[in-house]
Amino acid sequence: MMVRNRHGFSSATDSISDMRQSTITLRRYSASDAAAWDECVSSSRNGTFLHLRSYMDYHANRFPDASLFVLDGDRIIAALPATIRDGGLHSHAGLSYGGLIVGRGFHGSHALPAFAAISEWCAGNRLDRLIYKAIPHIYHRMPAEEDLYALVRLGARLSRRDLSTSLCLSEKYPPAKGRKACITKAGREALTVRETGDYAAFMRIEAEHLREKHGAVPTHSADEIALLAARFPANIRLVGAYDQDRLLGGVIVYLTDCVCHAQYIGATEEGKQRCALDACLQHVMTHLCNEVRWFDFGISTTDAGRVLDEALLLNKESWGGRSVVYDHYEWVF
């Protein structure tokens, strides 16, 4: 007789074998499923516009799609954005976060058999692991953390944790004294702050900033970010600070139902001296964040989360934000 632990399974392997009689099955996504995929995302508890096909597919040449539907009988109850890379299934190698996108009909009891089915699909396709970028809780329209329970229950490990800074806009801490002074100075500089479509000019500023500060390059080219902004004009917005017709700095934000995320922040040297970014961020928080709960500055970690840029973190916290984690899991089969 097999001895069970307090959770009901003797091991991760035993839990998978016990769930083979489940009605949960998988189906691989194909281009003809685009409408069904987008409907799943739009009606989900935790999906964002990054998971829609017109966003995911813009770089499909670099990240070949291996996305999966999760079905209960013949009904789609979840979707997994995914790519295959280095012998593993990644959710998702080309996105800031991937994760299992769950509908209202997906219950906590579905999570274990869904991930068991994913592991068996991977085994059948000679993939030896799942690399999983969980959707941070601030993006959830409704609670949706069944995936984290199932991953740990089945033997996945937390492989990476990045530290981001977010402001709860209804209950944020007041800005630090130095930050207030910068905001006041920005108001005296007589800069014109407005939304703009000049992505090419801004991305030149951003590329120079990243090169000098971090020896890095932007994730997106100017053409890519302009393409995405054209596809998602309500979600991707650029706010710039101008001295007449000269762009001194700006912020590209990604707006979802719950979060206004600062995707790129950059300024020229003159813009930094004249607090152009303070003016832009103040404009974003005042005019673009009326219908969201969170403003997210993004991560302050490098080297897969192992190095914390404390100066950058303190700069973001000076606006009144505090920490949210972006987690990655690895499940080796």
Protein backbone atom coordinates (compact mmCIF):
# COMPACT_ATOMS: atom_id res chain seq x y z
CA MET A 1 0.00 0.00 0.00
CA MET A 2 1.40 3.41 -0.99
CA VAL A 3 1.92 5.88 1.88
CA ARG A 4 0.49 9.34 1.17
CA ASN A 5 1.75 12.62 2.57
CA ARG A 6 -0.58 15.21 4.13
CA HIS A 7 -1.31 16.73 0.71
CA GLY A 8 -2.58 13.40 -0.63
CA PHE A 9 0.37 12.55 -2.91
CA SER A 10 3.47 10.59 -2.08
CA SER A 11 5.58 12.53 -4.61
CA ALA A 12 5.37 14.84 -7.63
CA THR A 13 5.58 11.80 -9.90
CA ASP A 14 2.76 10.06 -8.06
CA SER A 15 0.60 13.20 -8.24
CA ILE A 16 0.97 13.28 -12.03
CA SER A 17 0.04 9.61 -12.41
CA ASP A 18 -3.02 10.08 -10.20
CA MET A 19 -4.27 12.88 -12.44
CA ARG A 20 -4.14 11.04 -15.75
CA GLN A 21 -7.87 10.31 -15.52
CA SER A 22 -8.65 14.04 -15.45
CA THR A 23 -10.82 15.60 -18.17
CA ILE A 24 -8.09 18.23 -18.65
CA THR A 25 -6.37 18.08 -22.05
CA LEU A 26 -4.10 20.33 -24.12
CA ARG A 27 -4.23 21.57 -27.68
CA ARG A 28 -1.43 23.40 -29.42
CA TYR A 29 -2.27 26.87 -30.72
CA SER A 30 -2.34 27.47 -34.48
CA ALA A 31 -2.87 30.66 -36.49
CA SER A 32 -6.51 29.73 -37.14
CA ASP A 33 -7.10 29.92 -33.35
CA ALA A 34 -6.24 33.64 -33.09
CA ALA A 35 -9.79 34.79 -32.34
CA ALA A 36 -10.31 32.07 -29.71
CA TRP A 37 -6.94 32.90 -28.13
CA ASP A 38 -7.70 36.62 -27.89
CA GLU A 39 -11.14 35.89 -26.44
CA CYS A 40 -9.52 33.70 -23.78
CA VAL A 41 -7.08 36.50 -22.88
CA SER A 42 -9.71 39.27 -22.91
CA SER A 43 -12.11 37.37 -20.63
CA SER A 44 -9.38 36.06 -18.31
CA ARG A 45 -8.59 36.98 -14.73
CA ASN A 46 -4.94 37.80 -15.38
CA GLY A 47 -4.17 38.25 -19.08
CA THR A 48 -2.98 41.59 -20.51
CA PHE A 49 -2.61 43.04 -23.99
CA LEU A 50 0.94 41.58 -24.09
CA HIS A 51 -0.73 38.17 -24.40
CA LEU A 52 -2.87 39.10 -27.41
CA ARG A 53 -1.73 37.59 -30.70
CA SER A 54 -1.01 40.93 -32.38
CA TYR A 55 1.50 41.67 -29.61
CA MET A 56 2.99 38.19 -29.19
CA ASP A 57 3.38 37.60 -32.92
CA TYR A 58 5.30 40.77 -33.79
CA HIS A 59 8.58 38.97 -33.03
CA ALA A 60 7.50 35.43 -33.89
CA ASN A 61 10.53 35.14 -36.18
CA ARG A 62 12.76 35.37 -33.09
CA PHE A 63 10.49 33.46 -30.72
CA PRO A 64 8.72 30.65 -32.62
CA ASP A 65 5.37 30.02 -31.00
CA ALA A 66 4.57 26.85 -29.03
CA SER A 67 1.55 28.14 -27.11
CA LEU A 68 -1.02 25.77 -25.65
CA PHE A 69 -4.73 25.81 -24.85
CA VAL A 70 -5.93 24.05 -21.70
CA LEU A 71 -9.33 22.40 -22.17
CA ASP A 72 -11.85 20.85 -19.81
CA GLY A 73 -13.68 18.53 -22.16
CA ASP A 74 -14.18 20.68 -25.26
CA ARG A 75 -14.16 23.99 -23.37
CA ILE A 76 -11.11 26.30 -23.30
CA ILE A 77 -10.43 27.27 -19.69
CA ALA A 78 -6.84 28.57 -19.89
CA ALA A 79 -3.98 29.33 -22.25
CA LEU A 80 -0.20 29.15 -21.91
CA PRO A 81 1.85 31.57 -24.06
CA ALA A 82 5.02 29.64 -24.85
CA THR A 83 8.11 29.20 -26.96
CA ILE A 84 10.61 26.36 -27.25
CA ARG A 85 14.24 27.17 -26.56
CA ASP A 86 17.31 25.16 -25.50
CA GLY A 87 15.36 21.94 -25.05
CA GLY A 88 12.73 23.45 -22.77
CA LEU A 89 9.30 25.05 -22.92
CA HIS A 90 9.41 28.75 -21.95
CA SER A 91 6.40 30.79 -20.90
CA HIS A 92 7.37 33.11 -22.54
CA ALA A 93 10.92 33.80 -23.81
CA GLY A 94 9.86 36.98 -25.63
CA LEU A 95 7.64 38.57 -22.96
CA SER A 96 8.25 40.29 -19.62
CA TYR A 97 5.85 37.78 -18.09
CA GLY A 98 4.07 34.76 -19.53
CA GLY A 99 2.27 32.45 -17.18
CA LEU A 100 -0.97 30.52 -17.36
CA ILE A 101 -3.81 32.80 -18.48
CA VAL A 102 -6.90 31.61 -16.62
CA GLY A 103 -10.58 32.24 -17.22
CA ARG A 104 -13.38 32.40 -14.69
CA GLY A 105 -14.14 28.75 -15.42
CA PHE A 106 -10.64 27.71 -14.32
CA HIS A 107 -10.75 26.59 -10.68
CA GLY A 108 -8.05 25.80 -8.15
CA SER A 109 -8.71 22.09 -8.64
CA HIS A 110 -7.82 22.43 -12.33
CA ALA A 111 -4.27 23.64 -11.70
CA LEU A 112 -2.60 20.35 -10.76
CA PRO A 113 -4.02 18.33 -13.69
CA ALA A 114 -3.31 21.23 -16.09
CA PHE A 115 0.37 21.32 -15.17
CA ALA A 116 0.52 17.52 -15.18
CA ALA A 117 -0.80 17.63 -18.75
CA ILE A 118 1.81 20.26 -19.65
CA SER A 119 4.60 18.04 -18.31
CA GLU A 120 3.33 15.08 -20.33
CA TRP A 121 3.06 17.24 -23.47
CA CYS A 122 6.65 18.34 -22.94
CA ALA A 123 7.81 14.75 -22.46
CA GLY A 124 6.07 13.75 -25.68
CA ASN A 125 7.93 16.56 -27.47
CA ARG A 126 11.31 15.69 -25.89
CA LEU A 127 11.42 18.83 -23.75
CA ASP A 128 13.02 18.35 -20.37
CA ARG A 129 11.87 21.44 -18.44
CA LEU A 130 9.39 24.29 -18.11
CA ILE A 131 10.74 27.82 -17.61
CA TYR A 132 7.83 29.82 -16.26
CA LYS A 133 7.56 33.61 -15.86
CA ALA A 134 4.65 34.14 -13.49
CA ILE A 135 2.33 37.09 -14.05
CA PRO A 136 2.91 39.45 -11.06
CA HIS A 137 -0.15 39.78 -8.86
CA ILE A 138 -0.53 43.51 -9.55
CA TYR A 139 -1.67 42.61 -13.10
CA HIS A 140 -4.46 40.31 -11.91
CA ARG A 141 -8.01 41.60 -12.34
CA MET A 142 -9.11 38.84 -9.98
CA PRO A 143 -6.99 36.49 -7.82
CA ALA A 144 -5.18 33.99 -10.05
CA GLU A 145 -2.35 32.24 -8.23
CA GLU A 146 -3.37 28.63 -8.64
CA ASP A 147 -0.36 28.24 -10.91
CA LEU A 148 2.11 29.03 -8.13
CA TYR A 149 0.57 26.42 -5.86
CA ALA A 150 0.62 23.75 -8.56
CA LEU A 151 4.20 24.47 -9.65
CA VAL A 152 5.60 24.13 -6.13
CA ARG A 153 3.41 21.15 -5.36
CA LEU A 154 4.75 19.34 -8.45
CA GLY A 155 8.41 20.06 -7.74
CA ALA A 156 9.23 23.33 -9.52
CA ARG A 157 11.76 25.64 -7.91
CA LEU A 158 11.97 29.41 -7.80
CA SER A 159 14.89 30.04 -10.18
CA ARG A 160 14.89 33.83 -10.42
CA ARG A 161 13.35 36.74 -8.53
CA ASP A 162 13.57 40.32 -9.76
CA LEU A 163 12.67 43.32 -7.61
CA SER A 164 10.36 45.97 -9.04
CA THR A 165 8.96 49.12 -7.46
CA SER A 166 5.24 49.87 -7.59
CA LEU A 167 3.00 52.61 -6.26
CA CYS A 168 -0.49 51.79 -5.06
CA LEU A 169 -2.00 54.99 -6.44
CA SER A 170 -4.83 55.13 -3.91
CA GLU A 171 -2.61 54.58 -0.86
CA LYS A 172 0.94 55.52 -1.88
CA TYR A 173 3.52 56.95 0.47
CA PRO A 174 4.14 60.67 -0.11
CA PRO A 175 7.18 61.46 -2.29
CA ALA A 176 10.49 61.95 -0.50
CA LYS A 177 11.61 65.51 0.25
CA GLY A 178 14.21 65.49 -2.55
CA ARG A 179 11.67 64.18 -5.02
CA LYS A 180 9.22 66.94 -4.12
CA ALA A 181 11.96 69.49 -4.79
CA CYS A 182 12.59 67.99 -8.25
CA ILE A 183 8.89 68.06 -9.08
CA THR A 184 8.72 71.72 -8.02
CA LYS A 185 11.82 72.56 -10.09
CA ALA A 186 10.32 70.80 -13.12
CA GLY A 187 7.31 73.09 -12.82
CA ARG A 188 9.56 76.17 -12.93
CA GLU A 189 11.41 75.04 -16.07
CA ALA A 190 8.52 75.96 -18.36
CA LEU A 191 8.79 72.69 -20.28
CA THR A 192 5.89 71.55 -22.41
CA VAL A 193 4.79 68.07 -21.33
CA ARG A 194 2.50 66.19 -23.69
CA GLU A 195 1.75 62.89 -25.32
CA THR A 196 3.66 62.41 -28.56
CA GLY A 197 4.17 59.86 -31.32
CA ASP A 198 7.84 60.71 -31.79
CA TYR A 199 9.12 57.26 -30.85
CA ALA A 200 12.18 57.55 -33.08
CA ALA A 201 13.50 60.64 -31.26
CA PHE A 202 12.76 59.19 -27.85
CA MET A 203 14.35 55.81 -28.57
CA ARG A 204 17.56 57.59 -29.68
CA ILE A 205 17.64 59.24 -26.25
CA GLU A 206 16.85 55.94 -24.52
CA ALA A 207 19.52 54.03 -26.46
CA GLU A 208 22.16 56.58 -25.49
CA HIS A 209 21.04 56.51 -21.86
CA LEU A 210 21.21 52.71 -21.65
CA ARG A 211 24.58 52.61 -23.42
CA GLU A 212 26.17 55.14 -21.05
CA LYS A 213 24.49 53.95 -17.83
CA HIS A 214 24.40 50.17 -18.26
CA GLY A 215 26.30 49.27 -21.44
CA ALA A 216 23.01 47.87 -22.73
CA VAL A 217 20.59 48.35 -25.61
CA PRO A 218 16.78 48.71 -25.53
CA THR A 219 14.75 45.52 -25.85
CA HIS A 220 12.77 47.11 -28.68
CA SER A 221 13.99 49.03 -31.69
CA ALA A 222 12.33 52.35 -32.54
CA ASP A 223 10.51 50.68 -35.42
CA GLU A 224 9.25 47.84 -33.20
CA ILE A 225 7.92 50.12 -30.47
CA ALA A 226 6.26 52.37 -33.08
CA LEU A 227 4.64 49.30 -34.67
CA LEU A 228 3.32 48.08 -31.32
CA ALA A 229 2.08 51.55 -30.40
CA ALA A 230 0.18 51.69 -33.69
CA ARG A 231 -1.42 48.32 -32.90
CA PHE A 232 -2.23 49.26 -29.29
CA PRO A 233 -2.72 53.05 -29.21
CA ALA A 234 -4.73 52.92 -25.98
CA ASN A 235 -2.17 50.76 -24.20
CA ILE A 236 1.24 52.05 -25.34
CA ARG A 237 1.75 55.77 -24.77
CA LEU A 238 4.73 58.13 -24.92
CA VAL A 239 4.80 61.28 -22.78
CA GLY A 240 7.59 63.72 -23.64
CA ALA A 241 9.02 66.92 -22.14
CA TYR A 242 9.86 69.57 -24.74
CA ASP A 243 11.69 72.87 -24.84
CA GLN A 244 9.94 74.30 -27.89
CA ASP A 245 10.49 71.50 -30.46
CA ARG A 246 13.41 69.78 -28.68
CA LEU A 247 12.58 66.54 -26.87
CA LEU A 248 14.54 66.48 -23.59
CA GLY A 249 13.13 63.30 -22.10
CA GLY A 250 10.18 61.01 -21.93
CA VAL A 251 8.43 57.93 -20.58
CA ILE A 252 6.87 55.10 -22.59
CA VAL A 253 4.17 53.45 -20.51
CA TYR A 254 2.27 50.19 -20.99
CA LEU A 255 -1.30 50.55 -19.73
CA THR A 256 -3.22 47.45 -18.71
CA ASP A 257 -6.50 47.20 -16.79
CA CYS A 258 -4.71 47.33 -13.44
CA VAL A 259 -1.21 48.70 -14.04
CA CYS A 260 0.54 51.61 -15.69
CA HIS A 261 4.04 50.22 -16.27
CA ALA A 262 7.03 52.40 -17.17
CA GLN A 263 8.53 50.42 -20.04
CA TYR A 264 11.22 53.00 -20.90
CA ILE A 265 12.38 56.15 -19.08
CA GLY A 266 15.11 58.35 -20.57
CA ALA A 267 16.37 61.92 -20.82
CA THR A 268 19.19 63.91 -22.37
CA GLU A 269 21.80 65.43 -20.08
CA GLU A 270 20.01 68.78 -20.32
CA GLY A 271 16.74 67.03 -19.59
CA LYS A 272 18.18 65.49 -16.44
CA GLN A 273 19.40 68.89 -15.24
CA ARG A 274 15.98 70.39 -15.86
CA CYS A 275 14.04 67.53 -14.22
CA ALA A 276 12.29 66.57 -17.44
CA LEU A 277 11.57 63.04 -16.20
CA ASP A 278 9.92 64.33 -13.04
CA ALA A 279 7.64 66.43 -15.21
CA CYS A 280 6.81 63.44 -17.44
CA LEU A 281 6.16 61.04 -14.59
CA GLN A 282 4.00 63.59 -12.77
CA HIS A 283 1.96 64.00 -15.98
CA VAL A 284 1.59 60.22 -16.39
CA MET A 285 0.44 59.68 -12.81
CA THR A 286 -1.96 62.61 -12.97
CA HIS A 287 -3.47 62.12 -16.43
CA LEU A 288 -2.98 58.49 -17.53
CA CYS A 289 -3.46 56.51 -14.33
CA ASN A 290 -7.02 57.47 -13.43
CA GLU A 291 -8.42 53.99 -14.07
CA VAL A 292 -5.61 51.78 -12.76
CA ARG A 293 -4.56 50.85 -9.25
CA TRP A 294 -0.80 50.52 -9.71
CA PHE A 295 2.05 52.45 -11.27
CA ASP A 296 5.01 50.12 -11.79
CA PHE A 297 8.53 51.48 -12.35
CA GLY A 298 9.96 48.11 -13.39
CA ILE A 299 12.84 46.10 -11.98
CA SER A 300 16.03 47.40 -10.36
CA THR A 301 17.91 44.09 -10.64
CA THR A 302 20.38 42.72 -13.15
CA ASP A 303 22.23 39.44 -13.69
CA ALA A 304 19.02 37.39 -13.50
CA GLY A 305 18.00 39.06 -10.24
CA ARG A 306 21.28 38.47 -8.43
CA VAL A 307 22.46 42.11 -8.44
CA LEU A 308 20.39 44.93 -6.92
CA ASP A 309 21.01 48.50 -8.13
CA GLU A 310 20.32 50.17 -4.79
CA ALA A 311 20.67 53.72 -6.12
CA LEU A 312 18.09 53.02 -8.84
CA LEU A 313 15.81 51.34 -6.30
CA LEU A 314 15.98 54.32 -3.93
CA ASN A 315 15.28 56.70 -6.81
CA LYS A 316 12.07 54.81 -7.63
CA GLU A 317 11.07 54.50 -3.98
CA SER A 318 11.42 58.28 -3.61
CA TRP A 319 8.13 58.56 -5.51
CA GLY A 320 6.40 56.64 -2.71
CA GLY A 321 6.58 53.13 -4.15
CA ARG A 322 7.62 49.88 -2.56
CA SER A 323 8.62 46.41 -3.76
CA VAL A 324 6.87 43.85 -5.95
CA VAL A 325 8.62 40.71 -7.21
CA TYR A 326 8.73 39.28 -10.72
CA ASP A 327 9.27 35.51 -10.33
CA HIS A 328 10.57 32.80 -12.64
CA TYR A 329 10.19 29.08 -11.91
CA GLU A 330 12.01 26.11 -13.37
CA TRP A 331 10.40 22.70 -13.41
CA VAL A 332 12.72 19.92 -14.53
CA PHE A 333 10.81 16.78 -15.50
